[in-house]
């Protein structure tokens, strides 16, 4: 099972989303996990892979409502709805 720590920063019409995936059980970094960010209204899907420390980053994302999903053979899927707004900054 995965747990994601997320940070969102948004300026003008685009945002960045970075996060870190860790195993809920062992608290170790979840490396090599496929991370998808999907906006069904805009028919836009972005993908990336978490690095060796479990970190991932999406840049220049248009503001809107997204669903973050992870997929890995080693971990259960993780899913979270995210609303990226203009001028939004989360710690």
N, C-alpha and C. Protein backbone atom coordinates (compact mmCIF):
# COMPACT_ATOMS: atom_id res chain seq x y z
N UNK A 1 0.85 -1.17 0.00
CA UNK A 1 0.00 0.00 0.00
C UNK A 1 0.89 1.24 0.00
N UNK A 2 0.48 2.26 -0.72
CA UNK A 2 1.26 3.49 -0.86
C UNK A 2 0.62 4.64 -0.12
N UNK A 3 1.45 5.59 0.25
CA UNK A 3 1.00 6.85 0.81
C UNK A 3 1.76 7.94 0.08
N UNK A 4 1.07 9.02 -0.30
CA UNK A 4 1.70 10.10 -1.05
C UNK A 4 1.72 11.38 -0.25
N UNK A 5 2.87 12.03 -0.21
CA UNK A 5 3.00 13.38 0.33
C UNK A 5 3.00 14.30 -0.88
N UNK A 6 2.08 15.26 -0.94
CA UNK A 6 1.93 16.11 -2.12
C UNK A 6 2.19 17.57 -1.81
N UNK A 7 2.75 18.26 -2.78
CA UNK A 7 2.96 19.70 -2.70
C UNK A 7 2.56 20.30 -4.04
N UNK A 8 1.72 21.33 -3.99
CA UNK A 8 1.23 21.96 -5.21
C UNK A 8 1.64 23.42 -5.19
N UNK A 9 2.19 23.89 -6.31
CA UNK A 9 2.42 25.33 -6.46
C UNK A 9 1.83 25.75 -7.79
N UNK A 10 1.17 26.89 -7.79
CA UNK A 10 0.46 27.32 -8.99
C UNK A 10 0.68 28.80 -9.22
N UNK A 11 1.00 29.14 -10.46
CA UNK A 11 1.19 30.52 -10.85
C UNK A 11 0.58 30.70 -12.24
N UNK A 12 -0.07 31.83 -12.46
CA UNK A 12 -0.72 32.13 -13.74
C UNK A 12 -1.72 31.05 -14.07
N UNK A 13 -1.58 30.43 -15.24
CA UNK A 13 -2.54 29.43 -15.69
C UNK A 13 -2.04 28.00 -15.54
N UNK A 14 -0.84 27.81 -15.01
CA UNK A 14 -0.31 26.46 -14.86
C UNK A 14 0.13 26.20 -13.42
N UNK A 15 0.30 24.93 -13.11
CA UNK A 15 0.70 24.52 -11.76
C UNK A 15 1.78 23.45 -11.86
N UNK A 16 2.45 23.21 -10.75
CA UNK A 16 3.37 22.10 -10.61
C UNK A 16 2.90 21.25 -9.45
N UNK A 17 3.08 19.95 -9.58
CA UNK A 17 2.70 19.01 -8.52
C UNK A 17 3.88 18.09 -8.28
N UNK A 18 4.37 18.09 -7.05
CA UNK A 18 5.44 17.16 -6.72
C UNK A 18 5.00 16.35 -5.51
N UNK A 19 5.56 15.17 -5.41
CA UNK A 19 5.17 14.31 -4.29
C UNK A 19 6.22 13.26 -4.04
N UNK A 20 6.00 12.53 -2.96
CA UNK A 20 6.90 11.43 -2.60
C UNK A 20 6.03 10.24 -2.21
N UNK A 21 6.30 9.10 -2.80
CA UNK A 21 5.57 7.88 -2.52
C UNK A 21 6.37 7.01 -1.57
N UNK A 22 5.71 6.56 -0.51
CA UNK A 22 6.35 5.67 0.45
C UNK A 22 5.41 4.50 0.75
N UNK A 23 6.01 3.40 1.13
CA UNK A 23 5.23 2.24 1.55
C UNK A 23 4.58 2.55 2.89
N UNK A 24 3.28 2.33 2.98
CA UNK A 24 2.58 2.59 4.23
C UNK A 24 3.05 1.64 5.33
N UNK A 25 3.43 0.44 4.93
CA UNK A 25 3.84 -0.57 5.90
C UNK A 25 5.27 -0.36 6.40
N UNK A 26 6.23 -0.25 5.46
CA UNK A 26 7.63 -0.18 5.84
C UNK A 26 8.17 1.25 5.94
N UNK A 27 7.41 2.23 5.41
CA UNK A 27 7.82 3.64 5.38
C UNK A 27 9.01 3.88 4.46
N UNK A 28 9.35 2.90 3.62
CA UNK A 28 10.46 3.05 2.67
C UNK A 28 9.96 3.69 1.39
N UNK A 29 10.86 4.36 0.67
CA UNK A 29 10.52 5.01 -0.59
C UNK A 29 10.02 3.98 -1.60
N UNK A 30 9.01 4.37 -2.38
CA UNK A 30 8.45 3.51 -3.42
C UNK A 30 9.01 3.96 -4.76
N UNK A 31 10.07 3.31 -5.20
CA UNK A 31 10.74 3.66 -6.46
C UNK A 31 10.11 2.93 -7.63
N UNK A 32 10.16 3.56 -8.81
CA UNK A 32 9.70 2.91 -10.03
C UNK A 32 8.20 2.75 -10.16
N UNK A 33 7.45 3.58 -9.46
CA UNK A 33 5.98 3.50 -9.51
C UNK A 33 5.47 4.42 -10.62
N UNK A 34 4.55 3.91 -11.44
CA UNK A 34 3.91 4.72 -12.47
C UNK A 34 2.91 5.66 -11.81
N UNK A 35 3.04 6.95 -12.10
CA UNK A 35 2.15 7.96 -11.53
C UNK A 35 1.42 8.64 -12.69
N UNK A 36 0.08 8.63 -12.64
CA UNK A 36 -0.73 9.25 -13.69
C UNK A 36 -1.54 10.39 -13.09
N UNK A 37 -1.64 11.47 -13.84
CA UNK A 37 -2.45 12.62 -13.47
C UNK A 37 -3.44 12.84 -14.61
N UNK A 38 -4.73 12.64 -14.34
CA UNK A 38 -5.74 12.64 -15.39
C UNK A 38 -6.79 13.72 -15.15
N UNK A 39 -7.08 14.49 -16.20
CA UNK A 39 -8.17 15.46 -16.19
C UNK A 39 -9.16 15.02 -17.27
N UNK A 40 -10.26 14.41 -16.85
CA UNK A 40 -11.24 13.87 -17.80
C UNK A 40 -11.93 14.97 -18.60
N UNK A 41 -12.19 16.12 -17.97
CA UNK A 41 -12.88 17.21 -18.67
C UNK A 41 -12.07 17.74 -19.84
N UNK A 42 -10.75 17.77 -19.68
CA UNK A 42 -9.87 18.30 -20.73
C UNK A 42 -9.23 17.17 -21.55
N UNK A 43 -9.61 15.92 -21.24
CA UNK A 43 -9.07 14.75 -21.93
C UNK A 43 -7.54 14.81 -21.96
N UNK A 44 -6.95 15.04 -20.77
CA UNK A 44 -5.50 15.19 -20.65
C UNK A 44 -4.98 14.24 -19.58
N UNK A 45 -3.99 13.43 -19.94
CA UNK A 45 -3.35 12.53 -18.99
C UNK A 45 -1.84 12.72 -19.07
N UNK A 46 -1.23 12.95 -17.92
CA UNK A 46 0.23 13.08 -17.81
C UNK A 46 0.74 11.87 -17.03
N UNK A 47 1.92 11.38 -17.37
CA UNK A 47 2.49 10.24 -16.66
C UNK A 47 3.95 10.50 -16.33
N UNK A 48 4.40 9.88 -15.26
CA UNK A 48 5.80 9.91 -14.87
C UNK A 48 6.08 8.68 -14.01
N UNK A 49 7.33 8.46 -13.68
CA UNK A 49 7.76 7.34 -12.84
C UNK A 49 8.48 7.91 -11.62
N UNK A 50 8.17 7.38 -10.44
CA UNK A 50 8.86 7.85 -9.23
C UNK A 50 10.33 7.42 -9.28
N UNK A 51 11.20 8.32 -8.75
CA UNK A 51 12.64 8.03 -8.77
C UNK A 51 13.02 7.09 -7.62
N UNK A 52 14.32 6.87 -7.42
CA UNK A 52 14.80 5.94 -6.38
C UNK A 52 14.40 6.35 -4.97
N UNK A 53 14.12 7.64 -4.77
CA UNK A 53 13.70 8.13 -3.46
C UNK A 53 12.17 8.24 -3.35
N UNK A 54 11.46 7.77 -4.38
CA UNK A 54 10.00 7.82 -4.38
C UNK A 54 9.42 9.15 -4.84
N UNK A 55 10.27 10.07 -5.28
CA UNK A 55 9.82 11.41 -5.69
C UNK A 55 9.29 11.40 -7.12
N UNK A 56 8.30 12.26 -7.36
CA UNK A 56 7.81 12.49 -8.72
C UNK A 56 7.46 13.96 -8.88
N UNK A 57 7.39 14.42 -10.14
CA UNK A 57 7.14 15.83 -10.42
C UNK A 57 6.39 15.98 -11.74
N UNK A 58 5.35 16.79 -11.72
CA UNK A 58 4.65 17.22 -12.93
C UNK A 58 4.78 18.74 -12.98
N UNK A 59 5.12 19.28 -14.16
CA UNK A 59 5.26 20.73 -14.34
C UNK A 59 4.32 21.23 -15.42
N UNK A 60 4.01 22.52 -15.35
CA UNK A 60 3.20 23.20 -16.38
C UNK A 60 1.86 22.52 -16.61
N UNK A 61 1.17 22.22 -15.52
CA UNK A 61 -0.14 21.58 -15.60
C UNK A 61 -1.21 22.67 -15.64
N UNK A 62 -2.11 22.63 -16.63
CA UNK A 62 -3.21 23.60 -16.64
C UNK A 62 -4.09 23.45 -15.40
N UNK A 63 -4.58 24.57 -14.87
CA UNK A 63 -5.46 24.52 -13.69
C UNK A 63 -6.68 23.66 -14.00
N UNK A 64 -7.20 22.99 -12.98
CA UNK A 64 -8.38 22.15 -13.16
C UNK A 64 -8.44 21.04 -12.14
N UNK A 65 -9.44 20.17 -12.32
CA UNK A 65 -9.63 19.03 -11.43
C UNK A 65 -8.96 17.80 -12.03
N UNK A 66 -8.18 17.11 -11.21
CA UNK A 66 -7.42 15.95 -11.66
C UNK A 66 -7.62 14.78 -10.73
N UNK A 67 -7.32 13.60 -11.24
CA UNK A 67 -7.26 12.39 -10.43
C UNK A 67 -5.83 11.86 -10.54
N UNK A 68 -5.18 11.72 -9.39
CA UNK A 68 -3.83 11.17 -9.31
C UNK A 68 -3.97 9.68 -9.03
N UNK A 69 -3.30 8.85 -9.85
CA UNK A 69 -3.33 7.40 -9.66
C UNK A 69 -1.92 6.85 -9.74
N UNK A 70 -1.65 5.84 -8.94
CA UNK A 70 -0.37 5.15 -9.02
C UNK A 70 -0.61 3.69 -9.38
N UNK A 71 0.39 3.09 -10.02
CA UNK A 71 0.29 1.68 -10.39
C UNK A 71 1.66 1.06 -10.31
N UNK A 72 1.72 -0.10 -9.66
CA UNK A 72 2.97 -0.81 -9.49
C UNK A 72 2.67 -2.28 -9.20
N UNK A 73 3.56 -3.16 -9.64
CA UNK A 73 3.40 -4.58 -9.32
C UNK A 73 3.66 -4.85 -7.84
N UNK A 74 4.43 -3.98 -7.19
CA UNK A 74 4.82 -4.20 -5.80
C UNK A 74 3.88 -3.59 -4.77
N UNK A 75 3.03 -2.65 -5.19
CA UNK A 75 2.18 -1.93 -4.25
C UNK A 75 0.74 -1.88 -4.73
N UNK A 76 -0.19 -1.72 -3.79
CA UNK A 76 -1.58 -1.49 -4.16
C UNK A 76 -1.70 -0.14 -4.83
N UNK A 77 -2.74 0.02 -5.63
CA UNK A 77 -2.97 1.30 -6.30
C UNK A 77 -3.36 2.37 -5.28
N UNK A 78 -2.96 3.59 -5.57
CA UNK A 78 -3.31 4.75 -4.76
C UNK A 78 -4.05 5.71 -5.68
N UNK A 79 -5.10 6.35 -5.15
CA UNK A 79 -5.89 7.28 -5.95
C UNK A 79 -6.30 8.47 -5.09
N UNK A 80 -6.20 9.68 -5.67
CA UNK A 80 -6.57 10.89 -4.94
C UNK A 80 -7.05 11.94 -5.92
N UNK A 81 -8.17 12.61 -5.59
CA UNK A 81 -8.65 13.74 -6.38
C UNK A 81 -7.90 14.99 -5.95
N UNK A 82 -7.48 15.78 -6.95
CA UNK A 82 -6.71 17.00 -6.69
C UNK A 82 -7.30 18.13 -7.51
N UNK A 83 -7.50 19.28 -6.88
CA UNK A 83 -8.00 20.46 -7.56
C UNK A 83 -6.87 21.47 -7.64
N UNK A 84 -6.35 21.70 -8.84
CA UNK A 84 -5.25 22.64 -9.03
C UNK A 84 -5.85 23.99 -9.45
N UNK A 85 -5.72 24.98 -8.58
CA UNK A 85 -6.25 26.32 -8.83
C UNK A 85 -5.15 27.31 -9.11
N UNK A 86 -5.52 28.42 -9.73
CA UNK A 86 -4.57 29.52 -9.95
C UNK A 86 -4.10 30.06 -8.60
N UNK A 87 -2.83 30.43 -8.53
CA UNK A 87 -2.24 31.08 -7.36
C UNK A 87 -2.38 30.26 -6.09
N UNK A 88 -2.34 28.95 -6.19
CA UNK A 88 -2.45 28.07 -5.05
C UNK A 88 -1.07 27.57 -4.66
N UNK A 89 -0.80 27.56 -3.38
CA UNK A 89 0.47 27.05 -2.88
C UNK A 89 0.20 26.26 -1.61
N UNK A 90 0.55 24.99 -1.61
CA UNK A 90 0.37 24.14 -0.44
C UNK A 90 1.73 23.74 0.10
N UNK A 91 1.87 23.62 1.41
CA UNK A 91 3.15 23.20 1.97
C UNK A 91 3.46 21.74 1.64
